[in-house]
Amino acid sequence: MTVRSHRADDVVDEVGVWLAGEFAGRLPASEIDRVVRTTRIDLEGSIAPEELGEMLHRLGRARLQRILHLAPAAQVRIPQAR
């Protein structure tokens, strides 16, 4: 693993935690993680590496909001806390 890829992985993890906090209770954690990872792949090679964090957060957040607006509330199932 290179230093660059390690930093990119750290950024992806950080953005994932941030968005999970924002969308917790409205979307399953697995869906948030899937969107963040897919968004990173989509951005790879399209932006300057130093912009990854900001662009990943903005695009990932927009995609998660779109999922919330398109999915009826009955279809989004959040596991109950014990």
N, C-alpha and C. Protein backbone atom coordinates (compact mmCIF):
# COMPACT_ATOMS: atom_id res chain seq x y z
N MET A 1 0.85 -1.18 0.00
CA MET A 1 0.00 0.00 0.00
C MET A 1 0.89 1.24 0.00
N THR A 2 0.59 2.15 -0.86
CA THR A 2 1.38 3.38 -0.92
C THR A 2 0.85 4.39 0.08
N VAL A 3 1.66 5.42 0.34
CA VAL A 3 1.23 6.48 1.24
C VAL A 3 0.00 7.16 0.68
N ARG A 4 -0.02 7.40 -0.63
CA ARG A 4 -1.16 8.07 -1.26
C ARG A 4 -2.44 7.27 -1.09
N SER A 5 -2.42 5.96 -1.34
CA SER A 5 -3.64 5.16 -1.22
C SER A 5 -4.07 5.05 0.23
N HIS A 6 -3.09 5.00 1.16
CA HIS A 6 -3.44 4.94 2.57
C HIS A 6 -4.16 6.22 2.99
N ARG A 7 -3.69 7.36 2.55
CA ARG A 7 -4.35 8.62 2.88
C ARG A 7 -5.74 8.67 2.26
N ALA A 8 -5.88 8.20 1.03
CA ALA A 8 -7.18 8.20 0.38
C ALA A 8 -8.14 7.30 1.16
N ASP A 9 -7.67 6.16 1.63
CA ASP A 9 -8.52 5.27 2.42
C ASP A 9 -8.95 5.94 3.72
N ASP A 10 -8.03 6.69 4.34
CA ASP A 10 -8.37 7.43 5.57
C ASP A 10 -9.45 8.47 5.29
N VAL A 11 -9.34 9.15 4.17
CA VAL A 11 -10.33 10.17 3.80
C VAL A 11 -11.68 9.51 3.57
N VAL A 12 -11.69 8.39 2.87
CA VAL A 12 -12.95 7.68 2.61
C VAL A 12 -13.58 7.24 3.93
N ASP A 13 -12.79 6.72 4.84
CA ASP A 13 -13.31 6.30 6.14
C ASP A 13 -13.88 7.49 6.91
N GLU A 14 -13.16 8.60 6.89
CA GLU A 14 -13.60 9.80 7.61
C GLU A 14 -14.92 10.33 7.05
N VAL A 15 -15.02 10.39 5.74
CA VAL A 15 -16.26 10.85 5.11
C VAL A 15 -17.40 9.88 5.42
N GLY A 16 -17.10 8.59 5.40
CA GLY A 16 -18.10 7.59 5.73
C GLY A 16 -18.65 7.77 7.13
N VAL A 17 -17.78 8.04 8.09
CA VAL A 17 -18.21 8.26 9.47
C VAL A 17 -19.06 9.52 9.56
N TRP A 18 -18.62 10.57 8.88
CA TRP A 18 -19.36 11.83 8.91
C TRP A 18 -20.78 11.66 8.35
N LEU A 19 -20.86 11.02 7.19
CA LEU A 19 -22.17 10.83 6.56
C LEU A 19 -23.04 9.83 7.33
N ALA A 20 -22.41 8.83 7.93
CA ALA A 20 -23.17 7.88 8.74
C ALA A 20 -23.81 8.60 9.92
N GLY A 21 -23.09 9.54 10.51
CA GLY A 21 -23.65 10.33 11.60
C GLY A 21 -24.82 11.19 11.15
N GLU A 22 -24.69 11.74 9.95
CA GLU A 22 -25.74 12.60 9.43
C GLU A 22 -27.00 11.83 9.01
N PHE A 23 -26.81 10.64 8.46
CA PHE A 23 -27.95 9.89 7.92
C PHE A 23 -28.38 8.71 8.80
N ALA A 24 -27.77 8.55 9.96
CA ALA A 24 -28.14 7.47 10.88
C ALA A 24 -29.62 7.60 11.24
N GLY A 25 -30.30 6.48 11.24
CA GLY A 25 -31.71 6.48 11.57
C GLY A 25 -32.61 6.73 10.37
N ARG A 26 -32.01 7.16 9.27
CA ARG A 26 -32.80 7.39 8.06
C ARG A 26 -32.43 6.43 6.94
N LEU A 27 -31.19 5.96 6.95
CA LEU A 27 -30.72 4.96 5.98
C LEU A 27 -29.86 3.93 6.70
N PRO A 28 -29.89 2.69 6.25
CA PRO A 28 -29.04 1.66 6.86
C PRO A 28 -27.55 1.98 6.66
N ALA A 29 -26.74 1.61 7.62
CA ALA A 29 -25.30 1.85 7.55
C ALA A 29 -24.70 1.20 6.30
N SER A 30 -25.21 0.04 5.91
CA SER A 30 -24.68 -0.64 4.72
C SER A 30 -24.93 0.17 3.46
N GLU A 31 -26.06 0.85 3.38
CA GLU A 31 -26.38 1.69 2.21
C GLU A 31 -25.48 2.92 2.18
N ILE A 32 -25.23 3.51 3.33
CA ILE A 32 -24.34 4.68 3.41
C ILE A 32 -22.95 4.28 2.98
N ASP A 33 -22.47 3.15 3.49
CA ASP A 33 -21.13 2.67 3.13
C ASP A 33 -21.04 2.39 1.64
N ARG A 34 -22.06 1.76 1.08
CA ARG A 34 -22.06 1.44 -0.36
C ARG A 34 -21.99 2.71 -1.19
N VAL A 35 -22.76 3.72 -0.81
CA VAL A 35 -22.76 4.99 -1.56
C VAL A 35 -21.40 5.66 -1.47
N VAL A 36 -20.80 5.69 -0.30
CA VAL A 36 -19.49 6.33 -0.12
C VAL A 36 -18.43 5.62 -0.96
N ARG A 37 -18.41 4.31 -0.91
CA ARG A 37 -17.39 3.55 -1.66
C ARG A 37 -17.60 3.69 -3.18
N THR A 38 -18.83 3.64 -3.62
CA THR A 38 -19.13 3.79 -5.05
C THR A 38 -18.77 5.20 -5.53
N THR A 39 -19.06 6.18 -4.71
CA THR A 39 -18.75 7.56 -5.06
C THR A 39 -17.25 7.76 -5.18
N ARG A 40 -16.50 7.14 -4.29
CA ARG A 40 -15.04 7.25 -4.38
C ARG A 40 -14.55 6.68 -5.71
N ILE A 41 -15.07 5.55 -6.10
CA ILE A 41 -14.67 4.95 -7.37
C ILE A 41 -15.02 5.86 -8.53
N ASP A 42 -16.20 6.47 -8.48
CA ASP A 42 -16.63 7.37 -9.54
C ASP A 42 -15.72 8.60 -9.64
N LEU A 43 -15.21 9.09 -8.51
CA LEU A 43 -14.38 10.29 -8.50
C LEU A 43 -12.92 10.01 -8.85
N GLU A 44 -12.49 8.78 -8.66
CA GLU A 44 -11.09 8.41 -8.87
C GLU A 44 -10.64 8.77 -10.28
N GLY A 45 -9.57 9.53 -10.37
CA GLY A 45 -9.02 9.92 -11.66
C GLY A 45 -9.71 11.12 -12.29
N SER A 46 -10.81 11.59 -11.68
CA SER A 46 -11.54 12.72 -12.24
C SER A 46 -11.23 14.04 -11.54
N ILE A 47 -10.64 13.95 -10.36
CA ILE A 47 -10.36 15.15 -9.58
C ILE A 47 -8.93 15.08 -9.05
N ALA A 48 -8.43 16.21 -8.58
CA ALA A 48 -7.12 16.24 -7.94
C ALA A 48 -7.20 15.47 -6.62
N PRO A 49 -6.20 14.66 -6.31
CA PRO A 49 -6.26 13.83 -5.09
C PRO A 49 -6.51 14.64 -3.82
N GLU A 50 -5.98 15.85 -3.75
CA GLU A 50 -6.17 16.65 -2.54
C GLU A 50 -7.61 17.15 -2.37
N GLU A 51 -8.42 17.02 -3.40
CA GLU A 51 -9.82 17.44 -3.33
C GLU A 51 -10.77 16.28 -3.01
N LEU A 52 -10.23 15.08 -2.83
CA LEU A 52 -11.06 13.90 -2.64
C LEU A 52 -12.03 14.05 -1.46
N GLY A 53 -11.55 14.50 -0.32
CA GLY A 53 -12.41 14.60 0.85
C GLY A 53 -13.63 15.46 0.63
N GLU A 54 -13.42 16.66 0.15
CA GLU A 54 -14.53 17.58 -0.05
C GLU A 54 -15.50 17.08 -1.11
N MET A 55 -14.97 16.63 -2.24
CA MET A 55 -15.84 16.19 -3.32
C MET A 55 -16.58 14.91 -2.95
N LEU A 56 -15.92 14.01 -2.24
CA LEU A 56 -16.56 12.77 -1.80
C LEU A 56 -17.71 13.09 -0.85
N HIS A 57 -17.48 14.01 0.07
CA HIS A 57 -18.53 14.38 1.00
C HIS A 57 -19.71 15.02 0.28
N ARG A 58 -19.43 15.97 -0.60
CA ARG A 58 -20.51 16.67 -1.30
C ARG A 58 -21.34 15.73 -2.19
N LEU A 59 -20.65 14.95 -3.01
CA LEU A 59 -21.35 14.06 -3.93
C LEU A 59 -22.04 12.92 -3.18
N GLY A 60 -21.35 12.36 -2.19
CA GLY A 60 -21.96 11.29 -1.40
C GLY A 60 -23.20 11.77 -0.67
N ARG A 61 -23.13 12.95 -0.09
CA ARG A 61 -24.28 13.52 0.62
C ARG A 61 -25.45 13.76 -0.34
N ALA A 62 -25.15 14.29 -1.51
CA ALA A 62 -26.21 14.53 -2.50
C ALA A 62 -26.86 13.22 -2.93
N ARG A 63 -26.07 12.18 -3.12
CA ARG A 63 -26.61 10.89 -3.52
C ARG A 63 -27.48 10.28 -2.42
N LEU A 64 -27.04 10.40 -1.18
CA LEU A 64 -27.83 9.87 -0.06
C LEU A 64 -29.14 10.64 0.10
N GLN A 65 -29.11 11.93 -0.08
CA GLN A 65 -30.34 12.72 -0.02
C GLN A 65 -31.30 12.31 -1.14
N ARG A 66 -30.76 12.06 -2.31
CA ARG A 66 -31.60 11.63 -3.43
C ARG A 66 -32.25 10.28 -3.12
N ILE A 67 -31.51 9.37 -2.52
CA ILE A 67 -32.08 8.07 -2.14
C ILE A 67 -33.23 8.27 -1.16
N LEU A 68 -33.04 9.15 -0.19
CA LEU A 68 -34.11 9.42 0.78
C LEU A 68 -35.35 9.99 0.11
N HIS A 69 -35.17 10.86 -0.86
CA HIS A 69 -36.30 11.49 -1.52
C HIS A 69 -37.01 10.54 -2.48
N LEU A 70 -36.29 9.60 -3.03
CA LEU A 70 -36.88 8.67 -4.00
C LEU A 70 -37.52 7.45 -3.36
N ALA A 71 -37.00 7.04 -2.21
CA ALA A 71 -37.50 5.82 -1.56
C ALA A 71 -38.62 6.16 -0.59
N PRO A 72 -39.75 5.50 -0.73
CA PRO A 72 -40.81 5.69 0.27
C PRO A 72 -40.31 5.26 1.64
N ALA A 73 -40.75 5.93 2.66
CA ALA A 73 -40.28 5.66 4.03
C ALA A 73 -40.47 4.20 4.43
N ALA A 74 -41.50 3.55 3.92
CA ALA A 74 -41.77 2.16 4.27
C ALA A 74 -40.70 1.21 3.75
N GLN A 75 -39.99 1.61 2.69
CA GLN A 75 -38.97 0.73 2.12
C GLN A 75 -37.63 0.83 2.85
N VAL A 76 -37.37 1.91 3.53
CA VAL A 76 -36.11 2.08 4.26
C VAL A 76 -36.30 1.50 5.64
N ARG A 77 -35.63 0.40 5.88
CA ARG A 77 -35.78 -0.30 7.16
C ARG A 77 -34.53 -0.13 7.99
N ILE A 78 -34.68 0.43 9.15
CA ILE A 78 -33.58 0.63 10.08
C ILE A 78 -33.75 -0.36 11.23
N PRO A 79 -32.71 -1.14 11.53
CA PRO A 79 -32.84 -2.09 12.63
C PRO A 79 -33.10 -1.36 13.96
N GLN A 80 -33.95 -1.94 14.79
CA GLN A 80 -34.28 -1.35 16.08
C GLN A 80 -33.14 -1.57 17.06
N ALA A 81 -32.89 -0.58 17.91
CA ALA A 81 -31.88 -0.72 18.96
C ALA A 81 -32.42 -1.67 20.02
N ARG A 82 -31.53 -2.37 20.65
CA ARG A 82 -31.95 -3.32 21.68
C ARG A 82 -31.99 -2.67 23.03
